[in-house]
C-alpha atoms as a PDB file:
ATOM      1  CA  MET A   1      70.379  95.885 110.397  1.00  0.00           C
ATOM      2  CA  ASP A   2      72.556  96.561 107.308  1.00  0.00           C
ATOM      3  CA  PRO A   3      72.904 100.242 106.393  1.00  0.00           C
ATOM      4  CA  HIS A   4      72.442  99.345 102.686  1.00  0.00           C
ATOM      5  CA  HIS A   5      69.381  97.507 103.725  1.00  0.00           C
ATOM      6  CA  LEU A   6      68.163 100.454 105.302  1.00  0.00           C
ATOM      7  CA  ARG A   7      68.726 102.599 102.739  1.00  0.00           C
ATOM      8  CA  LEU A   8      66.748 100.183 100.557  1.00  0.00           C
ATOM      9  CA  LEU A   9      63.841 100.930 102.614  1.00  0.00           C
ATOM     10  CA  ARG A  10      64.106 104.374 102.446  1.00  0.00           C
ATOM     11  CA  GLU A  11      64.257 104.434  98.781  1.00  0.00           C
ATOM     12  CA  LEU A  12      61.331 102.322  98.803  1.00  0.00           C
ATOM     13  CA  GLY A  13      59.490 104.765 100.778  1.00  0.00           C
ATOM     14  CA  GLU A  14      60.860 107.880  98.381  1.00  0.00           C
ATOM     15  CA  ARG A  15      60.324 105.961  94.693  1.00  0.00           C
ATOM     16  CA  GLY A  16      57.205 104.189  95.307  1.00  0.00           C
ATOM     17  CA  SER A  17      58.416 100.764  93.692  1.00  0.00           C
ATOM     18  CA  VAL A  18      60.682  98.114  93.372  1.00  0.00           C
ATOM     19  CA  ALA A  19      61.696  98.910  89.809  1.00  0.00           C
ATOM     20  CA  ALA A  20      62.031 102.302  90.494  1.00  0.00           C
ATOM     21  CA  VAL A  21      64.537 101.849  93.614  1.00  0.00           C
ATOM     22  CA  ALA A  22      66.509  98.952  91.185  1.00  0.00           C
ATOM     23  CA  ARG A  23      67.012 101.627  88.271  1.00  0.00           C
ATOM     24  CA  ALA A  24      67.806 104.553  91.010  1.00  0.00           C
ATOM     25  CA  LEU A  25      70.740 102.088  92.292  1.00  0.00           C
ATOM     26  CA  HIS A  26      71.393 100.415  88.910  1.00  0.00           C
ATOM     27  CA  ILE A  27      70.765  96.866  90.437  1.00  0.00           C
ATOM     28  CA  THR A  28      67.893  94.225  89.517  1.00  0.00           C
ATOM     29  CA  PRO A  29      64.559  94.305  91.031  1.00  0.00           C
ATOM     30  CA  SER A  30      64.692  90.995  92.198  1.00  0.00           C
ATOM     31  CA  ALA A  31      67.967  92.059  94.257  1.00  0.00           C
ATOM     32  CA  VAL A  32      66.188  94.355  95.639  1.00  0.00           C
ATOM     33  CA  SER A  33      63.466  92.152  96.750  1.00  0.00           C
ATOM     34  CA  GLN A  34      65.935  89.993  98.187  1.00  0.00           C
ATOM     35  CA  GLN A  35      67.909  92.347 100.264  1.00  0.00           C
ATOM     36  CA  LEU A  36      64.350  93.547 101.504  1.00  0.00           C
ATOM     37  CA  ASN A  37      63.744  90.064 102.443  1.00  0.00           C
ATOM     38  CA  THR A  38      66.953  89.928 104.179  1.00  0.00           C
ATOM     39  CA  LEU A  39      66.003  93.017 106.366  1.00  0.00           C
ATOM     40  CA  GLN A  40      62.535  91.981 106.909  1.00  0.00           C
ATOM     41  CA  ARG A  41      64.017  88.506 108.732  1.00  0.00           C
ATOM     42  CA  SER A  42      65.604  90.857 111.064  1.00  0.00           C
ATOM     43  CA  ALA A  43      62.406  92.784 112.032  1.00  0.00           C
ATOM     44  CA  ARG A  44      59.585  91.574 114.165  1.00  0.00           C
ATOM     45  CA  VAL A  45      56.757  93.277 112.375  1.00  0.00           C
ATOM     46  CA  PRO A  46      56.006  93.432 108.763  1.00  0.00           C
ATOM     47  CA  LEU A  47      57.829  96.369 107.006  1.00  0.00           C
ATOM     48  CA  THR A  48      56.441  95.998 103.523  1.00  0.00           C
ATOM     49  CA  GLU A  49      52.802  95.245 102.238  1.00  0.00           C
ATOM     50  CA  ARG A  50      51.127  94.684  98.849  1.00  0.00           C
ATOM     51  CA  SER A  51      49.124  97.337  97.651  1.00  0.00           C
ATOM     52  CA  GLY A  52      47.573  96.300  94.246  1.00  0.00           C
ATOM     53  CA  ARG A  53      50.729  95.115  92.389  1.00  0.00           C
ATOM     54  CA  ARG A  54      52.964  97.417  94.252  1.00  0.00           C
ATOM     55  CA  LEU A  55      55.141  96.930  97.038  1.00  0.00           C
ATOM     56  CA  VAL A  56      54.706  99.739 100.012  1.00  0.00           C
ATOM     57  CA  LEU A  57      55.828 100.328 103.571  1.00  0.00           C
ATOM     58  CA  THR A  58      53.989  99.394 106.417  1.00  0.00           C
ATOM     59  CA  ASP A  59      53.629 101.723 109.327  1.00  0.00           C
ATOM     60  CA  ALA A  60      56.588 100.089 110.820  1.00  0.00           C
ATOM     61  CA  GLY A  61      58.175 100.306 107.632  1.00  0.00           C
ATOM     62  CA  ARG A  62      57.801 103.863 107.333  1.00  0.00           C
ATOM     63  CA  ALA A  63      59.017 104.521 110.571  1.00  0.00           C
ATOM     64  CA  LEU A  64      62.108 102.193 109.863  1.00  0.00           C
ATOM     65  CA  ALA A  65      62.473 104.572 106.810  1.00  0.00           C
ATOM     66  CA  ALA A  66      62.765 107.398 108.930  1.00  0.00           C
ATOM     67  CA  ALA A  67      64.850 106.667 111.108  1.00  0.00           C
ATOM     68  CA  ALA A  68      67.075 105.450 108.500  1.00  0.00           C
ATOM     69  CA  VAL A  69      67.920 108.898 107.794  1.00  0.00           C
ATOM     70  CA  ASP A  70      69.316 109.648 110.572  1.00  0.00           C
ATOM     71  CA  VAL A  71      71.417 106.467 110.639  1.00  0.00           C
ATOM     72  CA  MET A  72      72.575 107.233 106.925  1.00  0.00           C
ATOM     73  CA  THR A  73      73.694 110.822 108.282  1.00  0.00           C
ATOM     74  CA  ALA A  74      75.314 109.302 111.635  1.00  0.00           C
ATOM     75  CA  LEU A  75      77.401 106.982 109.447  1.00  0.00           C
ATOM     76  CA  ASP A  76      78.114 109.764 106.867  1.00  0.00           C
ATOM     77  CA  ARG A  77      79.313 112.038 109.809  1.00  0.00           C
ATOM     78  CA  ALA A  78      81.438 109.123 110.945  1.00  0.00           C
ATOM     79  CA  ALA A  79      83.010 108.171 107.702  1.00  0.00           C
ATOM     80  CA  ARG A  80      84.175 111.673 107.516  1.00  0.00           C
ATOM     81  CA  ALA A  81      85.402 112.082 111.133  1.00  0.00           C
ATOM     82  CA  VAL A  82      87.389 109.082 110.070  1.00  0.00           C
ATOM     83  CA  GLY A  83      88.814 110.498 106.791  1.00  0.00           C
ATOM     84  CA  ASP A  84      89.623 113.631 108.641  1.00  0.00           C
ATOM     85  CA  HIS A  85      91.589 111.966 111.156  1.00  0.00           C
ATOM     86  CA  LEU A  86      93.435 110.057 108.590  1.00  0.00           C
ATOM     87  CA  ASP A  87      94.140 113.046 106.376  1.00  0.00           C
ATOM     88  CA  ASP A  88      95.106 115.669 109.369  1.00  0.00           C
ATOM     89  CA  PRO A  89      99.149 116.279 108.381  1.00  0.00           C
ATOM     90  CA  ALA A  90      98.678 117.978 111.796  1.00  0.00           C
ATOM     91  CA  ALA A  91      97.658 115.453 114.031  1.00  0.00           C
ATOM     92  CA  PRO A  92     100.374 114.355 117.204  1.00  0.00           C
ATOM     93  CA  VAL A  93     102.204 111.170 116.758  1.00  0.00           C
ATOM     94  CA  THR A  94     103.766 109.109 119.274  1.00  0.00           C
ATOM     95  CA  VAL A  95     107.228 107.397 118.890  1.00  0.00           C
ATOM     96  CA  ALA A  96     109.008 105.245 121.173  1.00  0.00           C
ATOM     97  CA  ALA A  97     112.779 104.397 121.011  1.00  0.00           C
ATOM     98  CA  PHE A  98     115.395 102.229 122.742  1.00  0.00           C
ATOM     99  CA  HIS A  99     117.858 104.479 124.633  1.00  0.00           C
ATOM    100  CA  SER A 100     120.594 104.756 121.880  1.00  0.00           C
ATOM    101  CA  ALA A 101     118.058 105.625 119.221  1.00  0.00           C
ATOM    102  CA  GLY A 102     115.967 108.187 121.299  1.00  0.00           C
ATOM    103  CA  LEU A 103     119.209 109.950 122.362  1.00  0.00           C
ATOM    104  CA  THR A 104     120.807 109.808 118.236  1.00  0.00           C
ATOM    105  CA  TRP A 105     117.056 110.875 116.717  1.00  0.00           C
ATOM    106  CA  PHE A 106     114.849 112.111 119.103  1.00  0.00           C
ATOM    107  CA  ALA A 107     116.315 115.457 119.252  1.00  0.00           C
ATOM    108  CA  PRO A 108     117.008 115.958 114.960  1.00  0.00           C
ATOM    109  CA  LEU A 109     113.351 114.668 114.604  1.00  0.00           C
ATOM    110  CA  ILE A 110     111.513 117.039 116.917  1.00  0.00           C
ATOM    111  CA  THR A 111     113.400 119.886 115.331  1.00  0.00           C
ATOM    112  CA  ARG A 112     113.065 119.033 111.636  1.00  0.00           C
ATOM    113  CA  LEU A 113     109.309 118.571 111.856  1.00  0.00           C
ATOM    114  CA  ALA A 114     109.029 122.046 113.764  1.00  0.00           C
ATOM    115  CA  GLU A 115     111.180 123.614 111.201  1.00  0.00           C
ATOM    116  CA  ALA A 116     109.130 122.292 108.165  1.00  0.00           C
ATOM    117  CA  GLY A 117     105.664 122.683 110.399  1.00  0.00           C
ATOM    118  CA  GLY A 118     105.205 119.056 110.567  1.00  0.00           C
ATOM    119  CA  PRO A 119     103.089 117.261 112.782  1.00  0.00           C
ATOM    120  CA  PRO A 120     103.873 117.459 116.876  1.00  0.00           C
ATOM    121  CA  VAL A 121     105.853 114.250 117.831  1.00  0.00           C
ATOM    122  CA  ARG A 122     105.503 112.896 121.797  1.00  0.00           C
ATOM    123  CA  CYS A 123     108.660 111.126 122.048  1.00  0.00           C
ATOM    124  CA  CYS A 124     109.000 108.114 125.111  1.00  0.00           C
ATOM    125  CA  ASP A 125     112.123 106.164 125.752  1.00  0.00           C
ATOM    126  CA  GLU A 126     111.299 102.063 125.976  1.00  0.00           C
ATOM    127  CA  ASP A 127     114.197 100.343 127.557  1.00  0.00           C
ATOM    128  CA  VAL A 128     112.521  96.658 126.756  1.00  0.00           C
ATOM    129  CA  ALA A 129     113.913  93.111 125.579  1.00  0.00           C
ATOM    130  CA  HIS A 130     113.935  92.127 121.966  1.00  0.00           C
ATOM    131  CA  ALA A 131     110.465  90.244 122.584  1.00  0.00           C
ATOM    132  CA  GLY A 132     109.011  92.941 124.241  1.00  0.00           C
ATOM    133  CA  PHE A 133     109.132  95.702 121.144  1.00  0.00           C
ATOM    134  CA  PRO A 134     106.110  94.011 119.018  1.00  0.00           C
ATOM    135  CA  ALA A 135     103.681  94.587 122.189  1.00  0.00           C
ATOM    136  CA  LEU A 136     104.693  98.476 122.080  1.00  0.00           C
ATOM    137  CA  VAL A 137     102.653  99.179 118.569  1.00  0.00           C
ATOM    138  CA  GLY A 138      99.830  99.021 121.306  1.00  0.00           C
ATOM    139  CA  ASP A 139     100.845 102.172 122.895  1.00  0.00           C
ATOM    140  CA  TYR A 140     102.605 103.978 120.379  1.00  0.00           C
ATOM    141  CA  ASP A 141     102.367 105.039 116.718  1.00  0.00           C
ATOM    142  CA  LEU A 142     106.107 104.141 115.754  1.00  0.00           C
ATOM    143  CA  VAL A 143     108.522 102.169 118.031  1.00  0.00           C
ATOM    144  CA  LEU A 144     112.125 102.064 116.715  1.00  0.00           C
ATOM    145  CA  ALA A 145     113.404  98.582 117.548  1.00  0.00           C
ATOM    146  CA  HIS A 146     116.384  96.526 117.266  1.00  0.00           C
ATOM    147  CA  ARG A 147     117.356  92.898 116.886  1.00  0.00           C
ATOM    148  CA  LEU A 148     120.919  90.851 115.668  1.00  0.00           C
ATOM    149  CA  ALA A 149     121.109  89.303 112.417  1.00  0.00           C
ATOM    150  CA  HIS A 150     120.071  85.787 114.168  1.00  0.00           C
ATOM    151  CA  SER A 151     117.403  87.283 116.439  1.00  0.00           C
ATOM    152  CA  PRO A 152     114.091  85.616 115.758  1.00  0.00           C
ATOM    153  CA  PRO A 153     112.147  88.086 113.143  1.00  0.00           C
ATOM    154  CA  TRP A 154     109.457  90.567 114.254  1.00  0.00           C
ATOM    155  CA  PRO A 155     105.952  88.772 114.302  1.00  0.00           C
ATOM    156  CA  ALA A 156     104.252  88.483 110.881  1.00  0.00           C
ATOM    157  CA  GLY A 157     100.900  89.974 110.090  1.00  0.00           C
ATOM    158  CA  ARG A 158      99.868  92.190 112.863  1.00  0.00           C
ATOM    159  CA  LEU A 159     102.896  94.305 112.348  1.00  0.00           C
ATOM    160  CA  THR A 160     104.253  96.209 109.658  1.00  0.00           C
ATOM    161  CA  VAL A 161     108.374  96.261 109.524  1.00  0.00           C
ATOM    162  CA  VAL A 162     110.072  99.501 108.128  1.00  0.00           C
ATOM    163  CA  PRO A 163     113.994  98.875 107.985  1.00  0.00           C
ATOM    164  CA  LEU A 164     116.049 101.616 108.975  1.00  0.00           C
ATOM    165  CA  ILE A 165     119.799 101.283 109.177  1.00  0.00           C
ATOM    166  CA  HIS A 166     122.064  98.285 109.653  1.00  0.00           C
ATOM    167  CA  GLU A 167     124.611  99.338 112.552  1.00  0.00           C
ATOM    168  CA  PRO A 168     127.956  98.003 113.285  1.00  0.00           C
ATOM    169  CA  LEU A 169     128.752  97.054 117.146  1.00  0.00           C
ATOM    170  CA  TYR A 170     132.335  97.271 117.855  1.00  0.00           C
ATOM    171  CA  VAL A 171     134.313  96.575 121.005  1.00  0.00           C
ATOM    172  CA  ALA A 172     134.932  99.659 122.894  1.00  0.00           C
ATOM    173  CA  MET A 173     137.816 100.198 125.536  1.00  0.00           C
ATOM    174  CA  SER A 174     139.413 103.066 127.395  1.00  0.00           C
ATOM    175  CA  ALA A 175     141.830 105.135 125.285  1.00  0.00           C
ATOM    176  CA  ASP A 176     144.770 103.990 127.435  1.00  0.00           C
ATOM    177  CA  HIS A 177     143.782  99.819 127.347  1.00  0.00           C
ATOM    178  CA  PRO A 178     146.124  97.536 126.416  1.00  0.00           C
ATOM    179  CA  LEU A 179     144.496  96.501 123.356  1.00  0.00           C
ATOM    180  CA  ALA A 180     143.700 100.093 122.000  1.00  0.00           C
ATOM    181  CA  GLY A 181     146.659 100.081 119.871  1.00  0.00           C
ATOM    182  CA  LEU A 182     145.617  97.011 117.473  1.00  0.00           C
ATOM    183  CA  GLU A 183     143.285  98.000 114.246  1.00  0.00           C
ATOM    184  CA  ARG A 184     141.196  94.934 114.265  1.00  0.00           C
ATOM    185  CA  LEU A 185     140.679  92.052 117.414  1.00  0.00           C
ATOM    186  CA  THR A 186     139.792  88.677 117.677  1.00  0.00           C
ATOM    187  CA  ALA A 187     137.401  87.296 120.237  1.00  0.00           C
ATOM    188  CA  ALA A 188     140.427  85.554 121.993  1.00  0.00           C
ATOM    189  CA  ASP A 189     142.041  88.937 122.006  1.00  0.00           C
ATOM    190  CA  VAL A 190     139.057  90.437 124.290  1.00  0.00           C
ATOM    191  CA  SER A 191     137.794  87.244 126.213  1.00  0.00           C
ATOM    192  CA  THR A 192     140.476  87.740 128.701  1.00  0.00           C
ATOM    193  CA  TYR A 193     139.538  91.219 129.822  1.00  0.00           C
ATOM    194  CA  PRO A 194     136.336  92.106 132.050  1.00  0.00           C
ATOM    195  CA  TRP A 195     133.265  92.740 130.170  1.00  0.00           C
ATOM    196  CA  ILE A 196     129.828  95.008 130.647  1.00  0.00           C
ATOM    197  CA  SER A 197     126.825  93.079 129.391  1.00  0.00           C
ATOM    198  CA  VAL A 198     123.301  94.088 128.828  1.00  0.00           C
ATOM    199  CA  HIS A 199     120.550  92.326 131.021  1.00  0.00           C
ATOM    200  CA  THR A 200     119.293  89.225 130.254  1.00  0.00           C
ATOM    201  CA  GLY A 201     117.137  89.142 127.052  1.00  0.00           C
ATOM    202  CA  PHE A 202     118.448  92.265 125.746  1.00  0.00           C
ATOM    203  CA  PRO A 203     119.690  91.911 121.976  1.00  0.00           C
ATOM    204  CA  LEU A 204     123.242  92.639 122.305  1.00  0.00           C
ATOM    205  CA  GLU A 205     124.053  89.794 124.747  1.00  0.00           C
ATOM    206  CA  GLY A 206     123.717  87.229 121.990  1.00  0.00           C
ATOM    207  CA  VAL A 207     126.882  88.760 120.674  1.00  0.00           C
ATOM    208  CA  LEU A 208     128.557  88.213 124.154  1.00  0.00           C
ATOM    209  CA  THR A 209     127.903  84.739 124.022  1.00  0.00           C
ATOM    210  CA  ALA A 210     129.047  84.378 120.499  1.00  0.00           C
ATOM    211  CA  ILE A 211     132.485  86.138 121.361  1.00  0.00           C
ATOM    212  CA  ALA A 212     132.917  83.514 124.481  1.00  0.00           C
ATOM    213  CA  ALA A 213     132.016  80.545 121.892  1.00  0.00           C
ATOM    214  CA  ALA A 214     134.460  81.806 119.168  1.00  0.00           C
ATOM    215  CA  ALA A 215     137.215  82.267 122.105  1.00  0.00           C
ATOM    216  CA  GLY A 216     136.484  78.788 123.807  1.00  0.00           C
ATOM    217  CA  ARG A 217     135.872  80.086 127.190  1.00  0.00           C
ATOM    218  CA  PRO A 218     133.454  82.220 128.885  1.00  0.00           C
ATOM    219  CA  LEU A 219     133.422  86.026 129.360  1.00  0.00           C
ATOM    220  CA  ASP A 220     134.225  87.849 132.743  1.00  0.00           C
ATOM    221  CA  ILE A 221     130.852  89.556 132.963  1.00  0.00           C
ATOM    222  CA  THR A 222     131.251  91.966 135.982  1.00  0.00           C
ATOM    223  CA  HIS A 223     128.622  94.659 135.109  1.00  0.00           C
ATOM    224  CA  ARG A 224     125.317  94.715 133.302  1.00  0.00           C
ATOM    225  CA  ILE A 225     124.345  98.059 132.161  1.00  0.00           C
ATOM    226  CA  ASN A 226     121.616  98.439 129.579  1.00  0.00           C
ATOM    227  CA  GLU A 227     122.440 102.246 128.654  1.00  0.00           C
ATOM    228  CA  PHE A 228     125.351 102.924 126.274  1.00  0.00           C
ATOM    229  CA  THR A 229     126.288 106.238 127.787  1.00  0.00           C
ATOM    230  CA  VAL A 230     126.381 104.835 131.009  1.00  0.00           C
ATOM    231  CA  ALA A 231     128.406 101.865 129.970  1.00  0.00           C
ATOM    232  CA  GLY A 232     130.586 103.875 127.873  1.00  0.00           C
ATOM    233  CA  SER A 233     131.942 105.965 131.030  1.00  0.00           C
ATOM    234  CA  VAL A 234     132.525 102.666 133.001  1.00  0.00           C
ATOM    235  CA  VAL A 235     134.452 101.713 129.954  1.00  0.00           C
ATOM    236  CA  ALA A 236     136.300 105.106 129.625  1.00  0.00           C
ATOM    237  CA  ALA A 237     137.070 104.740 133.146  1.00  0.00           C
ATOM    238  CA  GLY A 238     139.676 101.217 132.235  1.00  0.00           C
ATOM    239  CA  ALA A 239     137.075  99.111 134.263  1.00  0.00           C
ATOM    240  CA  ALA A 240     135.638  96.999 131.319  1.00  0.00           C
ATOM    241  CA  LEU A 241     135.101  96.044 127.614  1.00  0.00           C
ATOM    242  CA  ALA A 242     131.631  96.685 125.904  1.00  0.00           C
ATOM    243  CA  LEU A 243     130.210  96.451 122.633  1.00  0.00           C
ATOM    244  CA  LEU A 244     128.741  99.897 121.757  1.00  0.00           C
ATOM    245  CA  PRO A 245     127.359 100.799 118.044  1.00  0.00           C
ATOM    246  CA  GLY A 246     129.182 102.465 115.598  1.00  0.00           C
ATOM    247  CA  ARG A 247     126.624 105.133 114.431  1.00  0.00           C
ATOM    248  CA  THR A 248     124.502 105.750 117.604  1.00  0.00           C
ATOM    249  CA  THR A 249     127.389 106.252 120.117  1.00  0.00           C
ATOM    250  CA  ILE A 250     128.320 109.359 121.355  1.00  0.00           C
ATOM    251  CA  PRO A 251     132.024 110.706 120.682  1.00  0.00           C
ATOM    252  CA  ASP A 252     134.299 110.348 123.506  1.00  0.00           C
ATOM    253  CA  PRO A 253     138.256 110.807 123.341  1.00  0.00           C
ATOM    254  CA  ARG A 254     138.400 108.255 126.369  1.00  0.00           C
ATOM    255  CA  LEU A 255     137.137 105.731 124.315  1.00  0.00           C
ATOM    256  CA  VAL A 256     138.366 103.709 121.524  1.00  0.00           C
ATOM    257  CA  LEU A 257     136.247 101.418 119.270  1.00  0.00           C
ATOM    258  CA  ARG A 258     137.609  98.305 117.269  1.00  0.00           C
ATOM    259  CA  PRO A 259     135.831  95.855 114.952  1.00  0.00           C
ATOM    260  CA  LEU A 260     136.155  91.872 115.613  1.00  0.00           C
ATOM    261  CA  ALA A 261     138.053  90.474 112.566  1.00  0.00           C
ATOM    262  CA  ASP A 262     136.640  87.060 112.859  1.00  0.00           C
ATOM    263  CA  LEU A 263     133.146  88.067 114.593  1.00  0.00           C
ATOM    264  CA  PRO A 264     131.629  90.746 112.530  1.00  0.00           C
ATOM    265  CA  ALA A 265     128.859  92.260 114.774  1.00  0.00           C
ATOM    266  CA  GLY A 266     125.980  94.527 113.896  1.00  0.00           C
ATOM    267  CA  ARG A 267     122.347  95.083 114.749  1.00  0.00           C
ATOM    268  CA  TYR A 268     119.537  96.070 112.507  1.00  0.00           C
ATOM    269  CA  ILE A 269     117.426  99.148 113.818  1.00  0.00           C
ATOM    270  CA  ASP A 270     113.833  98.692 112.460  1.00  0.00           C
ATOM    271  CA  VAL A 271     110.453 100.774 113.055  1.00  0.00           C
ATOM    272  CA  LEU A 272     107.353  98.765 113.811  1.00  0.00           C
ATOM    273  CA  THR A 273     103.865 100.238 113.807  1.00  0.00           C
ATOM    274  CA  ARG A 274     100.814  98.783 112.901  1.00  0.00           C
ATOM    275  CA  PRO A 275      99.382  98.679 109.414  1.00  0.00           C
ATOM    276  CA  GLU A 276      96.589 100.740 110.120  1.00  0.00           C
ATOM    277  CA  THR A 277      98.338 103.541 111.546  1.00  0.00           C
ATOM    278  CA  LEU A 278     100.118 103.990 107.933  1.00  0.00           C
ATOM    279  CA  HIS A 279      96.819 105.334 106.827  1.00  0.00           C
ATOM    280  CA  ARG A 280      97.487 108.117 108.889  1.00  0.00           C
ATOM    281  CA  ALA A 281      99.222 111.516 107.051  1.00  0.00           C
ATOM    282  CA  ALA A 282     101.010 112.646 109.931  1.00  0.00           C
ATOM    283  CA  VAL A 283     102.426 109.309 110.710  1.00  0.00           C
ATOM    284  CA  ARG A 284     103.406 108.897 107.188  1.00  0.00           C
ATOM    285  CA  LEU A 285     105.245 112.129 107.378  1.00  0.00           C
ATOM    286  CA  VAL A 286     107.046 111.288 110.838  1.00  0.00           C
ATOM    287  CA  LEU A 287     108.252 108.015 109.375  1.00  0.00           C
ATOM    288  CA  ASP A 288     109.510 109.551 106.265  1.00  0.00           C
ATOM    289  CA  THR A 289     111.423 112.496 108.230  1.00  0.00           C
ATOM    290  CA  LEU A 290     113.051 109.248 110.538  1.00  0.00           C
ATOM    291  CA  ARG A 291     114.101 107.707 107.391  1.00  0.00           C
ATOM    292  CA  GLU A 292     115.782 110.848 106.213  1.00  0.00           C
ATOM    293  CA  ILE A 293     117.652 111.370 109.510  1.00  0.00           C
ATOM    294  CA  ALA A 294     119.033 107.711 109.643  1.00  0.00           C
ATOM    295  CA  ALA A 295     120.010 107.952 105.922  1.00  0.00           C
ATOM    296  CA  GLY A 296     121.887 111.301 106.796  1.00  0.00           C
END
């Protein structure tokens, strides 16, 4: 039963006439009658009856009107509970991120929110392929995801996408590598050396495919490592080249990062969330803090 219809029944019991109910609710008497008729169709016994020229409640109608008080009270309590949840700036917020984003932003996010008296955050790293990021919004309030410029866009409608940064991708090599003395490299320059790739389906794999196409030869993929700090340690040992991000790679004097002159590469880092999640004050505060950290 519609709570609005139950309220009309309660008002009729208290005010005694359709006209009085209409005046109290600022609607027409015919609208009151129509809605009462709709309520009657959902009941198995008559709820109202005529008493002279007046429409009054039957015993069943009075019982339902009394129950309507409890229904309206419960609905009001539920609405206030939802409002309290949405407006609570101290409610915990869950944040997921791929490895390099978590390494770069989890610690400053936790620290800054704690210093400002903001909501507690619950952080989790999630190493998934490009297609796996949208599903994570079912488990987390905010999801840091990355994609290449030519990657499929995030699904429209069920996601809210907040752009965070565009991050360049560089060719990483050991400091004593033969190419380390060059300021800018080409796809042909790097195609003759062994490479570290991410696993199949992960965003950076497409850049390596583009390098191979531009060089006109397949790359020699000797290792598949998703975690950039692990890949960086292998690169520093002189074992291979790898793509590493320009802003979220931990500085290491053993590494040299160089751009590709003929194939500029980069990735977009976005925050994914469910549209309704942003109604929560605590989530908006965490998101604003993330954007401030990324901008800095």
